[in-house]
PDB file of N, CA and C in Angstrom:
ATOM      1  N   MET A   1     105.389  67.654 100.307  1.00  0.00           N
ATOM      2  CA  MET A   1     106.108  68.907 100.215  1.00  0.00           C
ATOM      3  C   MET A   1     105.641  69.659  98.972  1.00  0.00           C
ATOM      4  N   PRO A   2     105.337  70.976  99.105  1.00  0.00           N
ATOM      5  CA  PRO A   2     104.846  71.743  97.964  1.00  0.00           C
ATOM      6  C   PRO A   2     105.926  71.906  96.899  1.00  0.00           C
ATOM      7  N   ASP A   3     105.479  72.013  95.659  1.00  0.00           N
ATOM      8  CA  ASP A   3     106.386  72.194  94.529  1.00  0.00           C
ATOM      9  C   ASP A   3     106.428  73.677  94.157  1.00  0.00           C
ATOM     10  N   PHE A   4     107.557  74.327  94.437  1.00  0.00           N
ATOM     11  CA  PHE A   4     107.710  75.749  94.143  1.00  0.00           C
ATOM     12  C   PHE A   4     108.496  75.990  92.869  1.00  0.00           C
ATOM     13  N   SER A   5     108.767  74.952  92.094  1.00  0.00           N
ATOM     14  CA  SER A   5     109.619  75.084  90.923  1.00  0.00           C
ATOM     15  C   SER A   5     108.978  75.906  89.810  1.00  0.00           C
ATOM     16  N   ASN A   6     107.661  75.973  89.756  1.00  0.00           N
ATOM     17  CA  ASN A   6     107.021  76.721  88.672  1.00  0.00           C
ATOM     18  C   ASN A   6     106.478  78.080  89.118  1.00  0.00           C
ATOM     19  N   LEU A   7     106.971  78.620  90.233  1.00  0.00           N
ATOM     20  CA  LEU A   7     106.596  79.968  90.658  1.00  0.00           C
ATOM     21  C   LEU A   7     107.332  80.984  89.802  1.00  0.00           C
ATOM     22  N   ASP A   8     106.619  81.971  89.326  1.00  0.00           N
ATOM     23  CA  ASP A   8     107.272  83.029  88.571  1.00  0.00           C
ATOM     24  C   ASP A   8     107.218  84.338  89.357  1.00  0.00           C
ATOM     25  N   ILE A   9     107.889  85.334  88.863  1.00  0.00           N
ATOM     26  CA  ILE A   9     108.003  86.613  89.565  1.00  0.00           C
ATOM     27  C   ILE A   9     106.634  87.288  89.693  1.00  0.00           C
ATOM     28  N   GLU A  10     105.766  87.106  88.710  1.00  0.00           N
ATOM     29  CA  GLU A  10     104.434  87.708  88.766  1.00  0.00           C
ATOM     30  C   GLU A  10     103.617  87.149  89.924  1.00  0.00           C
ATOM     31  N   THR A  11     103.696  85.856  90.150  1.00  0.00           N
ATOM     32  CA  THR A  11     102.977  85.226  91.259  1.00  0.00           C
ATOM     33  C   THR A  11     103.510  85.724  92.601  1.00  0.00           C
ATOM     34  N   ILE A  12     104.813  85.837  92.698  1.00  0.00           N
ATOM     35  CA  ILE A  12     105.436  86.323  93.934  1.00  0.00           C
ATOM     36  C   ILE A  12     105.021  87.769  94.206  1.00  0.00           C
ATOM     37  N   LEU A  13     105.059  88.610  93.166  1.00  0.00           N
ATOM     38  CA  LEU A  13     104.676  90.007  93.337  1.00  0.00           C
ATOM     39  C   LEU A  13     103.194  90.156  93.693  1.00  0.00           C
ATOM     40  N   LYS A  14     102.337  89.320  93.113  1.00  0.00           N
ATOM     41  CA  LYS A  14     100.921  89.358  93.467  1.00  0.00           C
ATOM     42  C   LYS A  14     100.729  88.983  94.943  1.00  0.00           C
ATOM     43  N   GLY A  15     101.449  87.967  95.388  1.00  0.00           N
ATOM     44  CA  GLY A  15     101.364  87.565  96.788  1.00  0.00           C
ATOM     45  C   GLY A  15     101.818  88.667  97.725  1.00  0.00           C
ATOM     46  N   LEU A  16     102.942  89.300  97.385  1.00  0.00           N
ATOM     47  CA  LEU A  16     103.430  90.420  98.200  1.00  0.00           C
ATOM     48  C   LEU A  16     102.445  91.585  98.177  1.00  0.00           C
ATOM     49  N   GLY A  17     101.852  91.841  97.027  1.00  0.00           N
ATOM     50  CA  GLY A  17     100.866  92.912  96.919  1.00  0.00           C
ATOM     51  C   GLY A  17      99.657  92.663  97.798  1.00  0.00           C
ATOM     52  N   ILE A  18      99.228  91.410  97.850  1.00  0.00           N
ATOM     53  CA  ILE A  18      98.091  91.061  98.701  1.00  0.00           C
ATOM     54  C   ILE A  18      98.440  91.265 100.167  1.00  0.00           C
ATOM     55  N   VAL A  19      99.626  90.825 100.570  1.00  0.00           N
ATOM     56  CA  VAL A  19     100.057  91.005 101.968  1.00  0.00           C
ATOM     57  C   VAL A  19     100.117  92.486 102.314  1.00  0.00           C
ATOM     58  N   ILE A  20     100.674  93.294 101.422  1.00  0.00           N
ATOM     59  CA  ILE A  20     100.788  94.733 101.665  1.00  0.00           C
ATOM     60  C   ILE A  20      99.406  95.369 101.750  1.00  0.00           C
ATOM     61  N   ALA A  21      98.519  95.025 100.821  1.00  0.00           N
ATOM     62  CA  ALA A  21      97.180  95.618 100.812  1.00  0.00           C
ATOM     63  C   ALA A  21      96.388  95.247 102.066  1.00  0.00           C
ATOM     64  N   VAL A  22      96.456  93.982 102.458  1.00  0.00           N
ATOM     65  CA  VAL A  22      95.716  93.544 103.644  1.00  0.00           C
ATOM     66  C   VAL A  22      96.275  94.211 104.901  1.00  0.00           C
ATOM     67  N   SER A  23      97.591  94.253 105.036  1.00  0.00           N
ATOM     68  CA  SER A  23      98.176  94.860 106.240  1.00  0.00           C
ATOM     69  C   SER A  23      97.922  96.362 106.277  1.00  0.00           C
ATOM     70  N   LEU A  24      97.936  97.025 105.131  1.00  0.00           N
ATOM     71  CA  LEU A  24      97.635  98.461 105.109  1.00  0.00           C
ATOM     72  C   LEU A  24      96.167  98.711 105.442  1.00  0.00           C
ATOM     73  N   GLY A  25      95.279  97.861 104.929  1.00  0.00           N
ATOM     74  CA  GLY A  25      93.861  97.989 105.275  1.00  0.00           C
ATOM     75  C   GLY A  25      93.619  97.801 106.755  1.00  0.00           C
ATOM     76  N   LEU A  26      94.256  96.784 107.335  1.00  0.00           N
ATOM     77  CA  LEU A  26      94.136  96.569 108.781  1.00  0.00           C
ATOM     78  C   LEU A  26      94.725  97.741 109.559  1.00  0.00           C
ATOM     79  N   ALA A  27      95.850  98.286 109.075  1.00  0.00           N
ATOM     80  CA  ALA A  27      96.473  99.423 109.752  1.00  0.00           C
ATOM     81  C   ALA A  27      95.537 100.623 109.768  1.00  0.00           C
ATOM     82  N   VAL A  28      94.849 100.866 108.667  1.00  0.00           N
ATOM     83  CA  VAL A  28      93.907 101.989 108.608  1.00  0.00           C
ATOM     84  C   VAL A  28      92.760 101.774 109.600  1.00  0.00           C
ATOM     85  N   LEU A  29      92.235 100.551 109.653  1.00  0.00           N
ATOM     86  CA  LEU A  29      91.159 100.261 110.604  1.00  0.00           C
ATOM     87  C   LEU A  29      91.618 100.435 112.051  1.00  0.00           C
ATOM     88  N   VAL A  30      92.810  99.937 112.364  1.00  0.00           N
ATOM     89  CA  VAL A  30      93.335 100.082 113.727  1.00  0.00           C
ATOM     90  C   VAL A  30      93.618 101.548 114.027  1.00  0.00           C
ATOM     91  N   LEU A  31      94.112 102.300 113.044  1.00  0.00           N
ATOM     92  CA  LEU A  31      94.365 103.728 113.237  1.00  0.00           C
ATOM     93  C   LEU A  31      93.068 104.462 113.574  1.00  0.00           C
ATOM     94  N   ILE A  32      92.010 104.161 112.861  1.00  0.00           N
ATOM     95  CA  ILE A  32      90.709 104.788 113.156  1.00  0.00           C
ATOM     96  C   ILE A  32      90.285 104.451 114.582  1.00  0.00           C
ATOM     97  N   TRP A  33      90.431 103.197 114.960  1.00  0.00           N
ATOM     98  CA  TRP A  33      90.057 102.785 116.317  1.00  0.00           C
ATOM     99  C   TRP A  33      90.924 103.484 117.354  1.00  0.00           C
ATOM    100  N   VAL A  34      92.232 103.573 117.095  1.00  0.00           N
ATOM    101  CA  VAL A  34      93.150 104.214 118.053  1.00  0.00           C
ATOM    102  C   VAL A  34      92.789 105.682 118.225  1.00  0.00           C
ATOM    103  N   ILE A  35      92.543 106.376 117.122  1.00  0.00           N
ATOM    104  CA  ILE A  35      92.198 107.798 117.215  1.00  0.00           C
ATOM    105  C   ILE A  35      90.869 107.986 117.939  1.00  0.00           C
ATOM    106  N   TRP A  36      89.938 107.075 117.725  1.00  0.00           N
ATOM    107  CA  TRP A  36      88.618 107.178 118.334  1.00  0.00           C
ATOM    108  C   TRP A  36      88.634 106.829 119.815  1.00  0.00           C
ATOM    109  N   ARG A  37      89.385 105.796 120.199  1.00  0.00           N
ATOM    110  CA  ARG A  37      89.319 105.270 121.567  1.00  0.00           C
ATOM    111  C   ARG A  37      90.484 105.660 122.479  1.00  0.00           C
ATOM    112  N   VAL A  38      91.657 105.801 121.936  1.00  0.00           N
ATOM    113  CA  VAL A  38      92.835 106.069 122.779  1.00  0.00           C
ATOM    114  C   VAL A  38      93.023 107.574 122.882  1.00  0.00           C
ATOM    115  N   LYS A  39      93.039 108.035 124.084  1.00  0.00           N
ATOM    116  CA  LYS A  39      93.255 109.467 124.313  1.00  0.00           C
ATOM    117  C   LYS A  39      94.751 109.736 124.448  1.00  0.00           C
ATOM    118  N   ARG A  40      95.084 110.986 124.462  1.00  0.00           N
ATOM    119  CA  ARG A  40      96.488 111.367 124.643  1.00  0.00           C
ATOM    120  C   ARG A  40      96.994 110.800 125.962  1.00  0.00           C
ATOM    121  N   ILE A  41      98.173 110.202 125.910  1.00  0.00           N
ATOM    122  CA  ILE A  41      98.769 109.568 127.085  1.00  0.00           C
ATOM    123  C   ILE A  41      99.747 110.561 127.701  1.00  0.00           C
ATOM    124  N   HIS A  42      99.573 110.845 128.976  1.00  0.00           N
ATOM    125  CA  HIS A  42     100.420 111.818 129.657  1.00  0.00           C
ATOM    126  C   HIS A  42     101.531 111.071 130.388  1.00  0.00           C
ATOM    127  N   LEU A  43     102.746 111.264 129.890  1.00  0.00           N
ATOM    128  CA  LEU A  43     103.927 110.639 130.480  1.00  0.00           C
ATOM    129  C   LEU A  43     104.728 111.690 131.239  1.00  0.00           C
ATOM    130  N   PRO A  44     105.510 111.249 132.214  1.00  0.00           N
ATOM    131  CA  PRO A  44     106.420 112.198 132.867  1.00  0.00           C
ATOM    132  C   PRO A  44     107.415 112.764 131.846  1.00  0.00           C
ATOM    133  N   ALA A  45     107.906 113.945 132.103  1.00  0.00           N
ATOM    134  CA  ALA A  45     108.828 114.599 131.166  1.00  0.00           C
ATOM    135  C   ALA A  45     110.092 113.774 130.923  1.00  0.00           C
ATOM    136  N   ASP A  46     110.523 113.023 131.928  1.00  0.00           N
ATOM    137  CA  ASP A  46     111.757 112.242 131.797  1.00  0.00           C
ATOM    138  C   ASP A  46     111.481 110.770 131.469  1.00  0.00           C
ATOM    139  N   ALA A  47     110.315 110.476 130.907  1.00  0.00           N
ATOM    140  CA  ALA A  47     109.945 109.086 130.611  1.00  0.00           C
ATOM    141  C   ALA A  47     110.889 108.484 129.580  1.00  0.00           C
ATOM    142  N   ASP A  48     111.275 107.240 129.830  1.00  0.00           N
ATOM    143  CA  ASP A  48     112.135 106.534 128.892  1.00  0.00           C
ATOM    144  C   ASP A  48     111.292 105.605 128.022  1.00  0.00           C
ATOM    145  N   PHE A  49     111.974 104.840 127.175  1.00  0.00           N
ATOM    146  CA  PHE A  49     111.292 103.929 126.261  1.00  0.00           C
ATOM    147  C   PHE A  49     110.420 102.923 127.012  1.00  0.00           C
ATOM    148  N   LEU A  50     110.965 102.316 128.069  1.00  0.00           N
ATOM    149  CA  LEU A  50     110.231 101.289 128.800  1.00  0.00           C
ATOM    150  C   LEU A  50     108.985 101.866 129.478  1.00  0.00           C
ATOM    151  N   THR A  51     109.103 103.031 130.069  1.00  0.00           N
ATOM    152  CA  THR A  51     107.960 103.678 130.709  1.00  0.00           C
ATOM    153  C   THR A  51     106.872 103.970 129.685  1.00  0.00           C
ATOM    154  N   ALA A  52     107.278 104.491 128.538  1.00  0.00           N
ATOM    155  CA  ALA A  52     106.308 104.796 127.487  1.00  0.00           C
ATOM    156  C   ALA A  52     105.666 103.523 126.947  1.00  0.00           C
ATOM    157  N   LEU A  53     106.455 102.481 126.790  1.00  0.00           N
ATOM    158  CA  LEU A  53     105.933 101.214 126.274  1.00  0.00           C
ATOM    159  C   LEU A  53     104.919 100.601 127.229  1.00  0.00           C
ATOM    160  N   LEU A  54     105.179 100.718 128.523  1.00  0.00           N
ATOM    161  CA  LEU A  54     104.238 100.190 129.519  1.00  0.00           C
ATOM    162  C   LEU A  54     102.927 100.986 129.548  1.00  0.00           C
ATOM    163  N   ALA A  55     102.974 102.254 129.154  1.00  0.00           N
ATOM    164  CA  ALA A  55     101.775 103.085 129.130  1.00  0.00           C
ATOM    165  C   ALA A  55     101.011 102.966 127.806  1.00  0.00           C
ATOM    166  N   THR A  56     101.594 102.271 126.847  1.00  0.00           N
ATOM    167  CA  THR A  56     101.016 102.173 125.506  1.00  0.00           C
ATOM    168  C   THR A  56     100.007 101.041 125.419  1.00  0.00           C
ATOM    169  N   PRO A  57      98.803 101.317 124.909  1.00  0.00           N
ATOM    170  CA  PRO A  57      97.829 100.241 124.691  1.00  0.00           C
ATOM    171  C   PRO A  57      98.291  99.318 123.558  1.00  0.00           C
ATOM    172  N   LEU A  58      97.922  98.053 123.642  1.00  0.00           N
ATOM    173  CA  LEU A  58      98.326  97.062 122.643  1.00  0.00           C
ATOM    174  C   LEU A  58      97.943  97.447 121.209  1.00  0.00           C
ATOM    175  N   PRO A  59      96.754  97.987 120.944  1.00  0.00           N
ATOM    176  CA  PRO A  59      96.434  98.341 119.554  1.00  0.00           C
ATOM    177  C   PRO A  59      97.409  99.334 118.931  1.00  0.00           C
ATOM    178  N   VAL A  60      98.022 100.187 119.735  1.00  0.00           N
ATOM    179  CA  VAL A  60      98.976 101.153 119.189  1.00  0.00           C
ATOM    180  C   VAL A  60     100.216 100.437 118.659  1.00  0.00           C
ATOM    181  N   VAL A  61     100.759  99.478 119.406  1.00  0.00           N
ATOM    182  CA  VAL A  61     101.956  98.779 118.924  1.00  0.00           C
ATOM    183  C   VAL A  61     101.612  97.864 117.746  1.00  0.00           C
ATOM    184  N   ILE A  62     100.412  97.307 117.747  1.00  0.00           N
ATOM    185  CA  ILE A  62      99.985  96.517 116.584  1.00  0.00           C
ATOM    186  C   ILE A  62      99.884  97.419 115.358  1.00  0.00           C
ATOM    187  N   LEU A  63      99.347  98.623 115.540  1.00  0.00           N
ATOM    188  CA  LEU A  63      99.269  99.585 114.451  1.00  0.00           C
ATOM    189  C   LEU A  63     100.654  99.896 113.899  1.00  0.00           C
ATOM    190  N   LEU A  64     101.614 100.140 114.778  1.00  0.00           N
ATOM    191  CA  LEU A  64     102.976 100.450 114.334  1.00  0.00           C
ATOM    192  C   LEU A  64     103.577  99.291 113.542  1.00  0.00           C
ATOM    193  N   ASP A  65     103.343  98.062 113.992  1.00  0.00           N
ATOM    194  CA  ASP A  65     103.870  96.902 113.281  1.00  0.00           C
ATOM    195  C   ASP A  65     103.176  96.697 111.931  1.00  0.00           C
ATOM    196  N   LEU A  66     101.865  96.937 111.869  1.00  0.00           N
ATOM    197  CA  LEU A  66     101.148  96.824 110.594  1.00  0.00           C
ATOM    198  C   LEU A  66     101.613  97.884 109.597  1.00  0.00           C
ATOM    199  N   LEU A  67     101.828  99.097 110.083  1.00  0.00           N
ATOM    200  CA  LEU A  67     102.352 100.145 109.204  1.00  0.00           C
ATOM    201  C   LEU A  67     103.737  99.771 108.686  1.00  0.00           C
ATOM    202  N   ASP A  68     104.567  99.244 109.559  1.00  0.00           N
ATOM    203  CA  ASP A  68     105.913  98.858 109.165  1.00  0.00           C
ATOM    204  C   ASP A  68     105.883  97.733 108.131  1.00  0.00           C
ATOM    205  N   LEU A  69     104.985  96.777 108.307  1.00  0.00           N
ATOM    206  CA  LEU A  69     104.864  95.677 107.359  1.00  0.00           C
ATOM    207  C   LEU A  69     104.374  96.160 105.994  1.00  0.00           C
ATOM    208  N   SER A  70     103.388  97.034 105.992  1.00  0.00           N
ATOM    209  CA  SER A  70     102.789  97.443 104.726  1.00  0.00           C
ATOM    210  C   SER A  70     103.558  98.538 104.002  1.00  0.00           C
ATOM    211  N   LEU A  71     104.163  99.452 104.729  1.00  0.00           N
ATOM    212  CA  LEU A  71     104.818 100.601 104.102  1.00  0.00           C
ATOM    213  C   LEU A  71     106.339 100.562 104.143  1.00  0.00           C
ATOM    214  N   ASP A  72     106.911  99.570 104.809  1.00  0.00           N
ATOM    215  CA  ASP A  72     108.356  99.433 104.917  1.00  0.00           C
ATOM    216  C   ASP A  72     108.938 100.716 105.525  1.00  0.00           C
ATOM    217  N   PHE A  73     109.971 101.269 104.932  1.00  0.00           N
ATOM    218  CA  PHE A  73     110.626 102.446 105.523  1.00  0.00           C
ATOM    219  C   PHE A  73     109.742 103.693 105.430  1.00  0.00           C
ATOM    220  N   LEU A  74     108.726 103.683 104.595  1.00  0.00           N
ATOM    221  CA  LEU A  74     107.824 104.834 104.477  1.00  0.00           C
ATOM    222  C   LEU A  74     106.895 104.961 105.680  1.00  0.00           C
ATOM    223  N   SER A  75     106.889 103.953 106.547  1.00  0.00           N
ATOM    224  CA  SER A  75     106.040 104.028 107.743  1.00  0.00           C
ATOM    225  C   SER A  75     106.610 104.973 108.788  1.00  0.00           C
ATOM    226  N   ALA A  76     107.884 105.287 108.710  1.00  0.00           N
ATOM    227  CA  ALA A  76     108.538 106.105 109.735  1.00  0.00           C
ATOM    228  C   ALA A  76     107.845 107.452 109.969  1.00  0.00           C
ATOM    229  N   PRO A  77     107.536 108.241 108.937  1.00  0.00           N
ATOM    230  CA  PRO A  77     106.879 109.524 109.227  1.00  0.00           C
ATOM    231  C   PRO A  77     105.471 109.364 109.803  1.00  0.00           C
ATOM    232  N   PHE A  78     104.759 108.330 109.367  1.00  0.00           N
ATOM    233  CA  PHE A  78     103.419 108.090 109.916  1.00  0.00           C
ATOM    234  C   PHE A  78     103.508 107.704 111.394  1.00  0.00           C
ATOM    235  N   ALA A  79     104.433 106.816 111.707  1.00  0.00           N
ATOM    236  CA  ALA A  79     104.628 106.402 113.105  1.00  0.00           C
ATOM    237  C   ALA A  79     105.036 107.607 113.954  1.00  0.00           C
ATOM    238  N   TRP A  80     105.916 108.445 113.441  1.00  0.00           N
ATOM    239  CA  TRP A  80     106.372 109.642 114.148  1.00  0.00           C
ATOM    240  C   TRP A  80     105.177 110.538 114.488  1.00  0.00           C
ATOM    241  N   ALA A  81     104.308 110.761 113.512  1.00  0.00           N
ATOM    242  CA  ALA A  81     103.144 111.631 113.724  1.00  0.00           C
ATOM    243  C   ALA A  81     102.146 111.001 114.704  1.00  0.00           C
ATOM    244  N   ILE A  82     101.888 109.726 114.565  1.00  0.00           N
ATOM    245  CA  ILE A  82     100.935 109.045 115.452  1.00  0.00           C
ATOM    246  C   ILE A  82     101.435 109.056 116.890  1.00  0.00           C
ATOM    247  N   LEU A  83     102.712 108.751 117.083  1.00  0.00           N
ATOM    248  CA  LEU A  83     103.268 108.727 118.434  1.00  0.00           C
ATOM    249  C   LEU A  83     103.287 110.128 119.045  1.00  0.00           C
ATOM    250  N   GLY A  84     103.531 111.140 118.239  1.00  0.00           N
ATOM    251  CA  GLY A  84     103.471 112.518 118.731  1.00  0.00           C
ATOM    252  C   GLY A  84     102.056 112.901 119.141  1.00  0.00           C
ATOM    253  N   TYR A  85     101.077 112.515 118.330  1.00  0.00           N
ATOM    254  CA  TYR A  85      99.665 112.801 118.627  1.00  0.00           C
ATOM    255  C   TYR A  85      99.239 112.138 119.938  1.00  0.00           C
ATOM    256  N   LEU A  86      99.701 110.914 120.166  1.00  0.00           N
ATOM    257  CA  LEU A  86      99.309 110.174 121.362  1.00  0.00           C
ATOM    258  C   LEU A  86     100.134 110.535 122.602  1.00  0.00           C
ATOM    259  N   GLY A  87     101.175 111.352 122.437  1.00  0.00           N
ATOM    260  CA  GLY A  87     102.013 111.719 123.571  1.00  0.00           C
ATOM    261  C   GLY A  87     103.040 110.659 123.927  1.00  0.00           C
ATOM    262  N   LEU A  88     103.382 109.814 122.974  1.00  0.00           N
ATOM    263  CA  LEU A  88     104.340 108.725 123.214  1.00  0.00           C
ATOM    264  C   LEU A  88     105.674 109.007 122.521  1.00  0.00           C
ATOM    265  N   LYS A  89     106.191 110.201 122.700  1.00  0.00           N
ATOM    266  CA  LYS A  89     107.419 110.612 122.036  1.00  0.00           C
ATOM    267  C   LYS A  89     108.632 109.736 122.362  1.00  0.00           C
ATOM    268  N   PRO A  90     108.753 109.144 123.566  1.00  0.00           N
ATOM    269  CA  PRO A  90     109.916 108.285 123.812  1.00  0.00           C
ATOM    270  C   PRO A  90     109.974 107.046 122.908  1.00  0.00           C
ATOM    271  N   LEU A  91     108.884 106.680 122.276  1.00  0.00           N
ATOM    272  CA  LEU A  91     108.886 105.525 121.379  1.00  0.00           C
ATOM    273  C   LEU A  91     109.335 105.879 119.968  1.00  0.00           C
ATOM    274  N   ARG A  92     109.407 107.155 119.664  1.00  0.00           N
ATOM    275  CA  ARG A  92     109.722 107.586 118.306  1.00  0.00           C
ATOM    276  C   ARG A  92     111.080 107.074 117.811  1.00  0.00           C
ATOM    277  N   GLY A  93     112.102 107.231 118.605  1.00  0.00           N
ATOM    278  CA  GLY A  93     113.451 106.857 118.166  1.00  0.00           C
ATOM    279  C   GLY A  93     113.562 105.386 117.824  1.00  0.00           C
ATOM    280  N   VAL A  94     113.060 104.544 118.694  1.00  0.00           N
ATOM    281  CA  VAL A  94     113.135 103.098 118.467  1.00  0.00           C
ATOM    282  C   VAL A  94     112.297 102.715 117.260  1.00  0.00           C
ATOM    283  N   THR A  95     111.137 103.313 117.120  1.00  0.00           N
ATOM    284  CA  THR A  95     110.278 103.022 115.973  1.00  0.00           C
ATOM    285  C   THR A  95     110.949 103.438 114.673  1.00  0.00           C
ATOM    286  N   MET A  96     111.605 104.593 114.684  1.00  0.00           N
ATOM    287  CA  MET A  96     112.300 105.061 113.483  1.00  0.00           C
ATOM    288  C   MET A  96     113.435 104.111 113.093  1.00  0.00           C
ATOM    289  N   VAL A  97     114.253 103.756 114.057  1.00  0.00           N
ATOM    290  CA  VAL A  97     115.377 102.856 113.769  1.00  0.00           C
ATOM    291  C   VAL A  97     114.868 101.522 113.260  1.00  0.00           C
ATOM    292  N   GLU A  98     113.846 100.989 113.918  1.00  0.00           N
ATOM    293  CA  GLU A  98     113.310  99.686 113.523  1.00  0.00           C
ATOM    294  C   GLU A  98     112.723  99.726 112.117  1.00  0.00           C
ATOM    295  N   SER A  99     112.065 100.812 111.759  1.00  0.00           N
ATOM    296  CA  SER A  99     111.460 100.876 110.427  1.00  0.00           C
ATOM    297  C   SER A  99     112.503 101.084 109.330  1.00  0.00           C
ATOM    298  N   LEU A 100     113.675 101.566 109.683  1.00  0.00           N
ATOM    299  CA  LEU A 100     114.715 101.796 108.682  1.00  0.00           C
ATOM    300  C   LEU A 100     115.679 100.621 108.522  1.00  0.00           C
ATOM    301  N   ILE A 101     115.650  99.649 109.425  1.00  0.00           N
ATOM    302  CA  ILE A 101     116.529  98.489 109.323  1.00  0.00           C
ATOM    303  C   ILE A 101     115.906  97.476 108.358  1.00  0.00           C
ATOM    304  N   PRO A 102     116.596  97.147 107.280  1.00  0.00           N
ATOM    305  CA  PRO A 102     116.034  96.203 106.305  1.00  0.00           C
ATOM    306  C   PRO A 102     115.798  94.823 106.921  1.00  0.00           C
ATOM    307  N   GLY A 103     114.699  94.219 106.528  1.00  0.00           N
ATOM    308  CA  GLY A 103     114.402  92.861 106.948  1.00  0.00           C
ATOM    309  C   GLY A 103     113.607  92.732 108.229  1.00  0.00           C
ATOM    310  N   THR A 104     113.449  93.814 108.972  1.00  0.00           N
ATOM    311  CA  THR A 104     112.705  93.721 110.234  1.00  0.00           C
ATOM    312  C   THR A 104     111.215  93.975 110.043  1.00  0.00           C
ATOM    313  N   GLN A 105     110.812  94.333 108.842  1.00  0.00           N
ATOM    314  CA  GLN A 105     109.423  94.683 108.607  1.00  0.00           C
ATOM    315  C   GLN A 105     108.477  93.502 108.831  1.00  0.00           C
ATOM    316  N   VAL A 106     108.932  92.293 108.586  1.00  0.00           N
ATOM    317  CA  VAL A 106     108.052  91.131 108.756  1.00  0.00           C
ATOM    318  C   VAL A 106     107.969  90.683 110.214  1.00  0.00           C
ATOM    319  N   LEU A 107     108.838  91.217 111.055  1.00  0.00           N
ATOM    320  CA  LEU A 107     108.828  90.869 112.474  1.00  0.00           C
ATOM    321  C   LEU A 107     108.017  91.910 113.255  1.00  0.00           C
ATOM    322  N   PRO A 108     107.096  91.477 114.082  1.00  0.00           N
ATOM    323  CA  PRO A 108     106.319  92.441 114.886  1.00  0.00           C
ATOM    324  C   PRO A 108     107.128  92.909 116.098  1.00  0.00           C
ATOM    325  N   THR A 109     108.180  93.663 115.864  1.00  0.00           N
ATOM    326  CA  THR A 109     109.136  93.994 116.926  1.00  0.00           C
ATOM    327  C   THR A 109     108.528  94.840 118.042  1.00  0.00           C
ATOM    328  N   MET A 110     107.667  95.795 117.696  1.00  0.00           N
ATOM    329  CA  MET A 110     107.067  96.623 118.751  1.00  0.00           C
ATOM    330  C   MET A 110     106.110  95.798 119.607  1.00  0.00           C
ATOM    331  N   THR A 111     105.387  94.879 118.996  1.00  0.00           N
ATOM    332  CA  THR A 111     104.480  94.020 119.752  1.00  0.00           C
ATOM    333  C   THR A 111     105.268  93.092 120.665  1.00  0.00           C
ATOM    334  N   VAL A 112     106.356  92.542 120.162  1.00  0.00           N
ATOM    335  CA  VAL A 112     107.209  91.674 120.982  1.00  0.00           C
ATOM    336  C   VAL A 112     107.817  92.479 122.135  1.00  0.00           C
ATOM    337  N   ALA A 113     108.258  93.712 121.849  1.00  0.00           N
ATOM    338  CA  ALA A 113     108.813  94.564 122.910  1.00  0.00           C
ATOM    339  C   ALA A 113     107.749  94.889 123.951  1.00  0.00           C
ATOM    340  N   TRP A 114     106.522  95.117 123.511  1.00  0.00           N
ATOM    341  CA  TRP A 114     105.407  95.412 124.424  1.00  0.00           C
ATOM    342  C   TRP A 114     105.169  94.230 125.362  1.00  0.00           C
ATOM    343  N   ILE A 115     105.146  93.019 124.815  1.00  0.00           N
ATOM    344  CA  ILE A 115     104.951  91.814 125.628  1.00  0.00           C
ATOM    345  C   ILE A 115     106.132  91.614 126.574  1.00  0.00           C
ATOM    346  N   ALA A 116     107.343  91.785 126.072  1.00  0.00           N
ATOM    347  CA  ALA A 116     108.549  91.612 126.899  1.00  0.00           C
ATOM    348  C   ALA A 116     108.572  92.612 128.055  1.00  0.00           C
ATOM    349  N   ALA A 117     108.143  93.845 127.806  1.00  0.00           N
ATOM    350  CA  ALA A 117     108.123  94.863 128.862  1.00  0.00           C
ATOM    351  C   ALA A 117     107.181  94.454 129.987  1.00  0.00           C
ATOM    352  N   ARG A 118     106.064  93.876 129.633  1.00  0.00           N
ATOM    353  CA  ARG A 118     105.115  93.441 130.662  1.00  0.00           C
ATOM    354  C   ARG A 118     105.612  92.221 131.426  1.00  0.00           C
ATOM    355  N   ILE A 119     106.276  91.327 130.739  1.00  0.00           N
ATOM    356  CA  ILE A 119     106.857  90.166 131.423  1.00  0.00           C
ATOM    357  C   ILE A 119     107.964  90.606 132.380  1.00  0.00           C
ATOM    358  N   LEU A 120     108.821  91.523 131.934  1.00  0.00           N
ATOM    359  CA  LEU A 120     109.894  92.027 132.799  1.00  0.00           C
ATOM    360  C   LEU A 120     109.337  92.771 134.002  1.00  0.00           C
ATOM    361  N   ARG A 121     108.264  93.515 133.790  1.00  0.00           N
ATOM    362  CA  ARG A 121     107.647  94.248 134.919  1.00  0.00           C
ATOM    363  C   ARG A 121     107.075  93.288 135.945  1.00  0.00           C
ATOM    364  N   GLN A 122     106.455  92.215 135.489  1.00  0.00           N
ATOM    365  CA  GLN A 122     105.896  91.216 136.428  1.00  0.00           C
ATOM    366  C   GLN A 122     107.008  90.546 137.219  1.00  0.00           C
ATOM    367  N   ARG A 123     108.096  90.215 136.568  1.00  0.00           N
ATOM    368  CA  ARG A 123     109.200  89.551 137.254  1.00  0.00           C
ATOM    369  C   ARG A 123     109.906  90.476 138.238  1.00  0.00           C
ATOM    370  N   ALA A 124     109.931  91.776 137.895  1.00  0.00           N
ATOM    371  CA  ALA A 124     110.599  92.746 138.768  1.00  0.00           C
ATOM    372  C   ALA A 124     109.778  93.025 140.022  1.00  0.00           C
ATOM    373  N   GLY A 125     108.510  92.788 139.933  1.00  0.00           N
ATOM    374  CA  GLY A 125     107.790  92.925 141.160  1.00  0.00           C
ATOM    375  C   GLY A 125     106.560  93.676 141.162  1.00  0.00           C
TER     376      GLY A 125
END
């Protein structure tokens, strides 16, 4: 079992800084790829969250989760703009709420929701 008794605040902050820097770097790379490869997604005017999530490519939800991990609540305006650019406005509300709830930043909630939506669709038929 590891000995954590001699960890100080500086070591913890350095570790958190590394996690934030790496996740933000990955988010920037995925954002470049999304802008380059993913075109605007045309949804019906009455599309709900599930419909939009099913039309969303996996890199987009990974991008949203990486932004949330690296920027915490500051990711909300970036996610809002990205989802608007891609035509995925029904995802905005859930993304905003998720990014503002403390403690959910370490959980890849949009990626889990994306996987769950596909599993539910397969079971439904």
